[in-house]
PDB file of all heavy atoms in Angstrom:
ATOM      1  N   GLU A   1      73.960  43.030  62.681  1.00  0.00           N
ATOM      2  CA  GLU A   1      72.686  43.510  63.215  1.00  0.00           C
ATOM      3  C   GLU A   1      72.659  45.026  63.246  1.00  0.00           C
ATOM      4  O   GLU A   1      73.545  45.669  63.816  1.00  0.00           O
ATOM      5  CB  GLU A   1      72.467  42.964  64.625  1.00  0.00           C
ATOM      6  CG  GLU A   1      71.175  43.455  65.264  1.00  0.00           C
ATOM      7  CD  GLU A   1      71.048  43.075  66.726  1.00  0.00           C
ATOM      8  OE1 GLU A   1      72.050  43.235  67.462  1.00  0.00           O
ATOM      9  OE2 GLU A   1      69.966  42.634  67.133  1.00  0.00           O
ATOM     10  N   PHE A   2      71.640  45.607  62.631  1.00  0.00           N
ATOM     11  CA  PHE A   2      71.384  47.036  62.701  1.00  0.00           C
ATOM     12  C   PHE A   2      70.188  47.252  63.624  1.00  0.00           C
ATOM     13  O   PHE A   2      69.190  46.537  63.539  1.00  0.00           O
ATOM     14  CB  PHE A   2      71.094  47.603  61.314  1.00  0.00           C
ATOM     15  CG  PHE A   2      70.561  49.007  61.338  1.00  0.00           C
ATOM     16  CD1 PHE A   2      71.418  50.088  61.489  1.00  0.00           C
ATOM     17  CD2 PHE A   2      69.203  49.251  61.228  1.00  0.00           C
ATOM     18  CE1 PHE A   2      70.932  51.388  61.526  1.00  0.00           C
ATOM     19  CE2 PHE A   2      68.700  50.541  61.264  1.00  0.00           C
ATOM     20  CZ  PHE A   2      69.572  51.613  61.411  1.00  0.00           C
ATOM     21  N   TYR A   3      70.275  48.242  64.527  1.00  0.00           N
ATOM     22  CA  TYR A   3      69.170  48.483  65.446  1.00  0.00           C
ATOM     23  C   TYR A   3      68.952  49.976  65.628  1.00  0.00           C
ATOM     24  O   TYR A   3      69.866  50.796  65.516  1.00  0.00           O
ATOM     25  CB  TYR A   3      69.418  47.814  66.801  1.00  0.00           C
ATOM     26  CG  TYR A   3      70.655  48.304  67.533  1.00  0.00           C
ATOM     27  CD1 TYR A   3      70.589  49.379  68.414  1.00  0.00           C
ATOM     28  CD2 TYR A   3      71.889  47.694  67.335  1.00  0.00           C
ATOM     29  CE1 TYR A   3      71.718  49.826  69.079  1.00  0.00           C
ATOM     30  CE2 TYR A   3      73.022  48.134  67.995  1.00  0.00           C
ATOM     31  CZ  TYR A   3      72.927  49.202  68.872  1.00  0.00           C
ATOM     32  OH  TYR A   3      74.051  49.649  69.518  1.00  0.00           O
ATOM     33  N   ILE A   4      67.710  50.333  65.928  1.00  0.00           N
ATOM     34  CA  ILE A   4      67.334  51.701  66.234  1.00  0.00           C
ATOM     35  C   ILE A   4      66.271  51.646  67.328  1.00  0.00           C
ATOM     36  O   ILE A   4      65.376  50.795  67.293  1.00  0.00           O
ATOM     37  CB  ILE A   4      66.834  52.456  64.978  1.00  0.00           C
ATOM     38  CG1 ILE A   4      66.539  53.909  65.313  1.00  0.00           C
ATOM     39  CG2 ILE A   4      65.628  51.759  64.354  1.00  0.00           C
ATOM     40  CD1 ILE A   4      66.286  54.770  64.082  1.00  0.00           C
ATOM     41  N   ARG A   5      66.396  52.534  68.317  1.00  0.00           N
ATOM     42  CA  ARG A   5      65.533  52.481  69.495  1.00  0.00           C
ATOM     43  C   ARG A   5      65.182  53.906  69.917  1.00  0.00           C
ATOM     44  O   ARG A   5      66.036  54.797  69.881  1.00  0.00           O
ATOM     45  CB  ARG A   5      66.253  51.760  70.634  1.00  0.00           C
ATOM     46  CG  ARG A   5      65.531  51.721  71.970  1.00  0.00           C
ATOM     47  CD  ARG A   5      66.464  51.117  73.009  1.00  0.00           C
ATOM     48  NE  ARG A   5      65.911  51.138  74.347  1.00  0.00           N
ATOM     49  CZ  ARG A   5      65.388  50.088  74.953  1.00  0.00           C
ATOM     50  NH1 ARG A   5      65.343  48.915  74.336  1.00  0.00           N
ATOM     51  NH2 ARG A   5      64.913  50.166  76.182  1.00  0.00           N
ATOM     52  N   ALA A   6      63.920  54.129  70.289  1.00  0.00           N
ATOM     53  CA  ALA A   6      63.471  55.444  70.732  1.00  0.00           C
ATOM     54  C   ALA A   6      62.548  55.282  71.931  1.00  0.00           C
ATOM     55  O   ALA A   6      61.718  54.365  71.968  1.00  0.00           O
ATOM     56  CB  ALA A   6      62.755  56.184  69.605  1.00  0.00           C
ATOM     57  N   VAL A   7      62.703  56.169  72.904  1.00  0.00           N
ATOM     58  CA  VAL A   7      61.905  56.140  74.130  1.00  0.00           C
ATOM     59  C   VAL A   7      61.436  57.550  74.433  1.00  0.00           C
ATOM     60  O   VAL A   7      62.198  58.517  74.296  1.00  0.00           O
ATOM     61  CB  VAL A   7      62.712  55.591  75.323  1.00  0.00           C
ATOM     62  CG1 VAL A   7      61.861  55.571  76.589  1.00  0.00           C
ATOM     63  CG2 VAL A   7      63.241  54.205  75.026  1.00  0.00           C
ATOM     64  N   ALA A   8      60.170  57.692  74.851  1.00  0.00           N
ATOM     65  CA  ALA A   8      59.619  58.989  75.243  1.00  0.00           C
ATOM     66  C   ALA A   8      58.718  58.790  76.454  1.00  0.00           C
ATOM     67  O   ALA A   8      58.186  57.697  76.677  1.00  0.00           O
ATOM     68  CB  ALA A   8      58.851  59.623  74.089  1.00  0.00           C
ATOM     69  N   GLY A   9      58.548  59.857  77.244  1.00  0.00           N
ATOM     70  CA  GLY A   9      57.687  59.739  78.408  1.00  0.00           C
ATOM     71  C   GLY A   9      57.719  60.974  79.272  1.00  0.00           C
ATOM     72  O   GLY A   9      58.236  62.028  78.878  1.00  0.00           O
ATOM     73  N   ILE A  10      57.182  60.835  80.473  1.00  0.00           N
ATOM     74  CA  ILE A  10      57.168  61.895  81.468  1.00  0.00           C
ATOM     75  C   ILE A  10      58.236  61.585  82.501  1.00  0.00           C
ATOM     76  O   ILE A  10      58.295  60.468  83.021  1.00  0.00           O
ATOM     77  CB  ILE A  10      55.790  61.995  82.151  1.00  0.00           C
ATOM     78  CG1 ILE A  10      54.708  62.332  81.113  1.00  0.00           C
ATOM     79  CG2 ILE A  10      55.804  63.031  83.265  1.00  0.00           C
ATOM     80  CD1 ILE A  10      53.310  62.380  81.710  1.00  0.00           C
ATOM     81  N   PRO A  11      59.124  62.524  82.836  1.00  0.00           N
ATOM     82  CA  PRO A  11      60.179  62.242  83.815  1.00  0.00           C
ATOM     83  C   PRO A  11      59.603  61.845  85.162  1.00  0.00           C
ATOM     84  O   PRO A  11      58.527  62.310  85.558  1.00  0.00           O
ATOM     85  CB  PRO A  11      60.947  63.573  83.906  1.00  0.00           C
ATOM     86  CG  PRO A  11      60.599  64.306  82.656  1.00  0.00           C
ATOM     87  CD  PRO A  11      59.211  63.890  82.302  1.00  0.00           C
ATOM     88  N   PRO A  12      60.301  60.964  85.907  1.00  0.00           N
ATOM     89  CA  PRO A  12      59.834  60.572  87.230  1.00  0.00           C
ATOM     90  C   PRO A  12      59.951  61.723  88.223  1.00  0.00           C
ATOM     91  O   PRO A  12      60.644  62.707  87.993  1.00  0.00           O
ATOM     92  CB  PRO A  12      60.772  59.413  87.597  1.00  0.00           C
ATOM     93  CG  PRO A  12      61.999  59.652  86.791  1.00  0.00           C
ATOM     94  CD  PRO A  12      61.549  60.288  85.522  1.00  0.00           C
ATOM     95  N   GLY A  13      59.286  61.573  89.362  1.00  0.00           N
ATOM     96  CA  GLY A  13      59.328  62.578  90.416  1.00  0.00           C
ATOM     97  C   GLY A  13      57.956  63.085  90.810  1.00  0.00           C
ATOM     98  O   GLY A  13      57.764  63.557  91.933  1.00  0.00           O
ATOM     99  N   LYS A  14      56.988  62.998  89.893  1.00  0.00           N
ATOM    100  CA  LYS A  14      55.620  63.421  90.194  1.00  0.00           C
ATOM    101  C   LYS A  14      54.771  62.187  90.540  1.00  0.00           C
ATOM    102  O   LYS A  14      55.262  61.074  90.651  1.00  0.00           O
ATOM    103  CB  LYS A  14      55.027  64.172  89.007  1.00  0.00           C
ATOM    104  CG  LYS A  14      55.867  65.373  88.546  1.00  0.00           C
ATOM    105  CD  LYS A  14      55.920  66.446  89.599  1.00  0.00           C
ATOM    106  CE  LYS A  14      56.685  67.656  89.102  1.00  0.00           C
ATOM    107  NZ  LYS A  14      56.761  68.751  90.102  1.00  0.00           N
ATOM    108  N   LYS A  15      53.460  62.430  90.693  1.00  0.00           N
ATOM    109  CA  LYS A  15      52.570  61.325  91.044  1.00  0.00           C
ATOM    110  C   LYS A  15      52.459  60.315  89.901  1.00  0.00           C
ATOM    111  O   LYS A  15      52.337  59.113  90.144  1.00  0.00           O
ATOM    112  CB  LYS A  15      51.174  61.860  91.388  1.00  0.00           C
ATOM    113  CG  LYS A  15      51.119  62.688  92.661  1.00  0.00           C
ATOM    114  CD  LYS A  15      49.685  63.005  93.046  1.00  0.00           C
ATOM    115  CE  LYS A  15      48.943  61.735  93.434  1.00  0.00           C
ATOM    116  NZ  LYS A  15      47.586  62.040  93.971  1.00  0.00           N
ATOM    117  N   TYR A  16      52.505  60.809  88.667  1.00  0.00           N
ATOM    118  CA  TYR A  16      52.352  59.924  87.507  1.00  0.00           C
ATOM    119  C   TYR A  16      53.611  59.966  86.664  1.00  0.00           C
ATOM    120  O   TYR A  16      54.149  61.043  86.369  1.00  0.00           O
ATOM    121  CB  TYR A  16      51.145  60.350  86.674  1.00  0.00           C
ATOM    122  CG  TYR A  16      50.968  59.551  85.397  1.00  0.00           C
ATOM    123  CD1 TYR A  16      50.788  58.166  85.431  1.00  0.00           C
ATOM    124  CD2 TYR A  16      50.994  60.180  84.154  1.00  0.00           C
ATOM    125  CE1 TYR A  16      50.630  57.438  84.266  1.00  0.00           C
ATOM    126  CE2 TYR A  16      50.835  59.459  82.978  1.00  0.00           C
ATOM    127  CZ  TYR A  16      50.650  58.085  83.046  1.00  0.00           C
ATOM    128  OH  TYR A  16      50.511  57.364  81.889  1.00  0.00           O
ATOM    129  N   PHE A  17      54.088  58.793  86.277  1.00  0.00           N
ATOM    130  CA  PHE A  17      55.286  58.665  85.459  1.00  0.00           C
ATOM    131  C   PHE A  17      55.050  57.562  84.438  1.00  0.00           C
ATOM    132  O   PHE A  17      54.493  56.513  84.768  1.00  0.00           O
ATOM    133  CB  PHE A  17      56.493  58.340  86.350  1.00  0.00           C
ATOM    134  CG  PHE A  17      57.649  57.728  85.606  1.00  0.00           C
ATOM    135  CD1 PHE A  17      58.278  58.415  84.573  1.00  0.00           C
ATOM    136  CD2 PHE A  17      58.111  56.462  85.926  1.00  0.00           C
ATOM    137  CE1 PHE A  17      59.333  57.847  83.884  1.00  0.00           C
ATOM    138  CE2 PHE A  17      59.170  55.881  85.251  1.00  0.00           C
ATOM    139  CZ  PHE A  17      59.784  56.585  84.223  1.00  0.00           C
ATOM    140  N   PHE A  18      55.446  57.816  83.200  1.00  0.00           N
ATOM    141  CA  PHE A  18      55.319  56.770  82.196  1.00  0.00           C
ATOM    142  C   PHE A  18      56.407  56.943  81.146  1.00  0.00           C
ATOM    143  O   PHE A  18      56.973  58.017  80.970  1.00  0.00           O
ATOM    144  CB  PHE A  18      53.934  56.798  81.532  1.00  0.00           C
ATOM    145  CG  PHE A  18      53.876  57.638  80.283  1.00  0.00           C
ATOM    146  CD1 PHE A  18      54.017  57.057  79.019  1.00  0.00           C
ATOM    147  CD2 PHE A  18      53.699  59.014  80.360  1.00  0.00           C
ATOM    148  CE1 PHE A  18      53.983  57.830  77.877  1.00  0.00           C
ATOM    149  CE2 PHE A  18      53.655  59.795  79.217  1.00  0.00           C
ATOM    150  CZ  PHE A  18      53.791  59.200  77.971  1.00  0.00           C
ATOM    151  N   TYR A  19      56.716  55.839  80.459  1.00  0.00           N
ATOM    152  CA  TYR A  19      57.534  55.905  79.258  1.00  0.00           C
ATOM    153  C   TYR A  19      57.039  54.845  78.290  1.00  0.00           C
ATOM    154  O   TYR A  19      56.463  53.824  78.683  1.00  0.00           O
ATOM    155  CB  TYR A  19      59.027  55.722  79.551  1.00  0.00           C
ATOM    156  CG  TYR A  19      59.432  54.361  80.060  1.00  0.00           C
ATOM    157  CD1 TYR A  19      59.623  53.283  79.193  1.00  0.00           C
ATOM    158  CD2 TYR A  19      59.656  54.143  81.418  1.00  0.00           C
ATOM    159  CE1 TYR A  19      60.006  52.053  79.649  1.00  0.00           C
ATOM    160  CE2 TYR A  19      60.037  52.904  81.890  1.00  0.00           C
ATOM    161  CZ  TYR A  19      60.218  51.862  81.007  1.00  0.00           C
ATOM    162  OH  TYR A  19      60.586  50.625  81.465  1.00  0.00           O
ATOM    163  N   THR A  20      57.249  55.108  77.014  1.00  0.00           N
ATOM    164  CA  THR A  20      56.884  54.159  75.969  1.00  0.00           C
ATOM    165  C   THR A  20      57.953  54.226  74.888  1.00  0.00           C
ATOM    166  O   THR A  20      58.592  55.262  74.701  1.00  0.00           O
ATOM    167  CB  THR A  20      55.495  54.477  75.389  1.00  0.00           C
ATOM    168  OG1 THR A  20      55.145  53.500  74.402  1.00  0.00           O
ATOM    169  CG2 THR A  20      55.473  55.853  74.741  1.00  0.00           C
ATOM    170  N   GLY A  21      58.157  53.127  74.209  1.00  0.00           N
ATOM    171  CA  GLY A  21      59.217  53.108  73.223  1.00  0.00           C
ATOM    172  C   GLY A  21      59.069  51.991  72.223  1.00  0.00           C
ATOM    173  O   GLY A  21      58.182  51.130  72.327  1.00  0.00           O
ATOM    174  N   THR A  22      59.956  52.013  71.247  1.00  0.00           N
ATOM    175  CA  THR A  22      59.973  50.984  70.212  1.00  0.00           C
ATOM    176  C   THR A  22      61.409  50.729  69.788  1.00  0.00           C
ATOM    177  O   THR A  22      62.284  51.595  69.956  1.00  0.00           O
ATOM    178  CB  THR A  22      59.132  51.422  68.996  1.00  0.00           C
ATOM    179  OG1 THR A  22      59.115  50.365  68.025  1.00  0.00           O
ATOM    180  CG2 THR A  22      59.728  52.654  68.345  1.00  0.00           C
ATOM    181  N   GLN A  23      61.652  49.543  69.291  1.00  0.00           N
ATOM    182  CA  GLN A  23      62.981  49.170  68.797  1.00  0.00           C
ATOM    183  C   GLN A  23      62.824  48.297  67.564  1.00  0.00           C
ATOM    184  O   GLN A  23      61.982  47.397  67.525  1.00  0.00           O
ATOM    185  CB  GLN A  23      63.765  48.426  69.871  1.00  0.00           C
ATOM    186  CG  GLN A  23      65.153  47.966  69.409  1.00  0.00           C
ATOM    187  CD  GLN A  23      65.988  47.409  70.542  1.00  0.00           C
ATOM    188  OE1 GLN A  23      65.999  47.959  71.633  1.00  0.00           O
ATOM    189  NE2 GLN A  23      66.683  46.318  70.290  1.00  0.00           N
ATOM    190  N   HIS A  24      63.659  48.581  66.565  1.00  0.00           N
ATOM    191  CA  HIS A  24      63.680  47.777  65.339  1.00  0.00           C
ATOM    192  C   HIS A  24      65.053  47.142  65.184  1.00  0.00           C
ATOM    193  O   HIS A  24      66.076  47.808  65.323  1.00  0.00           O
ATOM    194  CB  HIS A  24      63.373  48.642  64.118  1.00  0.00           C
ATOM    195  CG  HIS A  24      63.444  47.884  62.817  1.00  0.00           C
ATOM    196  ND1 HIS A  24      62.590  46.847  62.517  1.00  0.00           N
ATOM    197  CD2 HIS A  24      64.282  48.011  61.754  1.00  0.00           C
ATOM    198  CE1 HIS A  24      62.886  46.368  61.321  1.00  0.00           C
ATOM    199  NE2 HIS A  24      63.916  47.051  60.838  1.00  0.00           N
TER     200      HIS A  24
END
C-alpha cells in the first residue's frame, strides 16, 4: 500500500478553527 496525505487549516485558539485534507 502506497499512501499520501495532506492537511491544511487555521490553528486552534481563536474563535474559528478549521482543517481540511485529503488522502490517496
